[in-house]
Amino acid sequence: MPFYGYLGIFIILIAEVLLFLKVKIVGIYFTPIVWTGYILFIDALNFKLYKTSLIKTRTVEFLIMLPWLVICWLIFEAYNFHLKNWYYIGLPESALARTVGYVWSFATIFPAILETNQLIKPIF
């Protein structure tokens, strides 16, 4: 398995420990931190099992995808601005810190779904 798969597991485990210890920054960015670790781990697992993955074999596609994913998610957010179906709690007061969290979170959602799909698709 590529080294970054182990890094992904490490990120998840450390995030869990730091969340338990109530480290504030980890609590604020917990979702994108853990999604990042998950993506790294599942991508490495996909490469090990199937010799193909978003990060290792489709790197350019993966990198091009990230800003588009943020834009797509912002469309959902625009609808929610009017519908008010969800809201976020515990956001940082700083606009820059909030924006970093939004962009990082929005960029990890679809890659995690795509990686999971690639992992389990051969089973079905």
Protein backbone atom coordinates (compact mmCIF):
# COMPACT_ATOMS: atom_id res chain seq x y z
CA MET A 1 0.00 0.00 0.00
CA PRO A 2 1.36 3.48 -0.79
CA PHE A 3 2.83 5.32 2.22
CA TYR A 4 0.11 7.96 2.20
CA GLY A 5 -2.45 5.31 3.15
CA TYR A 6 -0.68 4.88 6.46
CA LEU A 7 -0.51 8.65 6.76
CA GLY A 8 -4.28 8.74 6.32
CA ILE A 9 -4.81 6.24 9.14
CA PHE A 10 -2.41 8.26 11.32
CA ILE A 11 -4.31 11.50 10.59
CA ILE A 12 -7.62 9.92 11.59
CA LEU A 13 -6.23 8.41 14.80
CA ILE A 14 -4.45 11.60 15.86
CA ALA A 15 -7.56 13.68 15.09
CA GLU A 16 -9.65 11.37 17.27
CA VAL A 17 -7.20 11.61 20.16
CA LEU A 18 -6.91 15.39 19.89
CA LEU A 19 -10.69 15.75 19.69
CA PHE A 20 -10.99 13.65 22.85
CA LEU A 21 -8.42 15.93 24.50
CA LYS A 22 -10.58 18.91 23.44
CA VAL A 23 -7.93 20.58 21.27
CA LYS A 24 -9.98 23.47 19.93
CA ILE A 25 -8.52 23.74 16.41
CA VAL A 26 -9.13 20.03 15.81
CA GLY A 27 -12.72 20.41 17.00
CA ILE A 28 -13.25 23.26 14.55
CA TYR A 29 -11.71 21.47 11.56
CA PHE A 30 -12.46 17.87 12.58
CA THR A 31 -14.61 17.02 9.57
CA PRO A 32 -12.15 18.03 6.84
CA ILE A 33 -9.20 16.63 8.80
CA VAL A 34 -10.79 13.19 9.09
CA TRP A 35 -12.16 13.27 5.51
CA THR A 36 -8.63 14.01 4.31
CA GLY A 37 -7.24 11.05 6.25
CA TYR A 38 -10.05 8.85 4.94
CA ILE A 39 -9.40 9.88 1.32
CA LEU A 40 -5.68 9.17 1.67
CA PHE A 41 -6.32 5.76 3.23
CA ILE A 42 -9.03 4.61 0.82
CA ASP A 43 -7.10 5.90 -2.21
CA ALA A 44 -4.06 3.88 -1.15
CA LEU A 45 -6.26 0.86 -0.53
CA ASN A 46 -7.84 1.23 -3.97
CA PHE A 47 -4.40 1.39 -5.52
CA LYS A 48 -3.28 -1.70 -3.63
CA LEU A 49 -6.39 -3.69 -4.55
CA TYR A 50 -7.16 -2.45 -8.05
CA LYS A 51 -3.95 -0.71 -9.24
CA THR A 52 -5.94 2.47 -9.91
CA SER A 53 -6.89 5.41 -7.73
CA LEU A 54 -7.73 9.10 -7.89
CA ILE A 55 -4.52 10.34 -6.28
CA LYS A 56 -1.95 7.83 -7.51
CA THR A 57 -3.03 7.14 -11.10
CA ARG A 58 -5.41 10.01 -11.92
CA THR A 59 -3.58 12.86 -10.17
CA VAL A 60 -4.30 15.60 -12.73
CA GLU A 61 -8.00 14.69 -12.82
CA PHE A 62 -8.08 14.73 -9.02
CA LEU A 63 -6.43 18.16 -8.79
CA ILE A 64 -8.67 19.67 -11.47
CA MET A 65 -11.70 18.22 -9.69
CA LEU A 66 -11.05 19.96 -6.35
CA PRO A 67 -11.95 23.57 -7.25
CA TRP A 68 -14.96 22.38 -9.24
CA LEU A 69 -16.18 20.44 -6.24
CA VAL A 70 -16.06 23.58 -4.12
CA ILE A 71 -18.07 25.44 -6.77
CA CYS A 72 -20.65 22.64 -6.94
CA TRP A 73 -21.02 22.59 -3.17
CA LEU A 74 -21.42 26.36 -3.12
CA ILE A 75 -24.50 25.87 -5.32
CA PHE A 76 -26.02 23.71 -2.57
CA GLU A 77 -25.10 26.41 -0.07
CA ALA A 78 -26.77 29.07 -2.23
CA TYR A 79 -30.00 27.08 -2.24
CA ASN A 80 -29.74 26.58 1.48
CA PHE A 81 -29.31 30.32 1.96
CA HIS A 82 -32.97 30.61 0.95
CA LEU A 83 -34.32 27.23 2.11
CA LYS A 84 -32.57 27.23 5.52
CA ASN A 85 -32.47 23.40 5.67
CA TRP A 86 -29.17 23.28 7.56
CA TYR A 87 -26.77 25.51 9.41
CA TYR A 88 -23.29 25.22 10.85
CA ILE A 89 -22.35 25.49 14.51
CA GLY A 90 -19.01 26.21 16.15
CA LEU A 91 -17.61 28.17 13.22
CA PRO A 92 -14.54 30.35 13.74
CA GLU A 93 -15.16 34.07 14.13
CA SER A 94 -12.49 34.94 11.58
CA ALA A 95 -13.78 35.10 8.00
CA LEU A 96 -10.48 33.71 6.73
CA ALA A 97 -10.59 30.74 9.13
CA ARG A 98 -14.23 30.04 8.16
CA THR A 99 -13.38 30.22 4.46
CA VAL A 100 -10.47 27.80 4.88
CA GLY A 101 -12.80 25.40 6.68
CA TYR A 102 -15.53 25.72 4.04
CA VAL A 103 -13.20 25.22 1.08
CA TRP A 104 -11.35 22.32 2.72
CA SER A 105 -14.60 20.62 3.75
CA PHE A 106 -16.33 21.12 0.41
CA ALA A 107 -13.30 19.81 -1.50
CA THR A 108 -13.24 16.53 0.46
CA ILE A 109 -16.87 15.42 0.20
CA PHE A 110 -17.02 14.12 -3.37
CA PRO A 111 -13.52 12.58 -3.45
CA ALA A 112 -14.47 10.56 -0.35
CA ILE A 113 -17.65 9.38 -2.10
CA LEU A 114 -15.79 8.54 -5.32
CA GLU A 115 -13.05 6.67 -3.46
CA THR A 116 -15.62 4.68 -1.49
CA ASN A 117 -17.51 3.87 -4.68
CA GLN A 118 -14.34 2.62 -6.33
CA LEU A 119 -13.55 0.50 -3.27
CA ILE A 120 -16.93 -1.24 -2.99
CA LYS A 121 -18.10 -1.27 -6.62
CA PRO A 122 -16.35 -4.57 -7.47
CA ILE A 123 -18.18 -6.19 -4.55
CA PHE A 124 -21.56 -5.44 -6.08
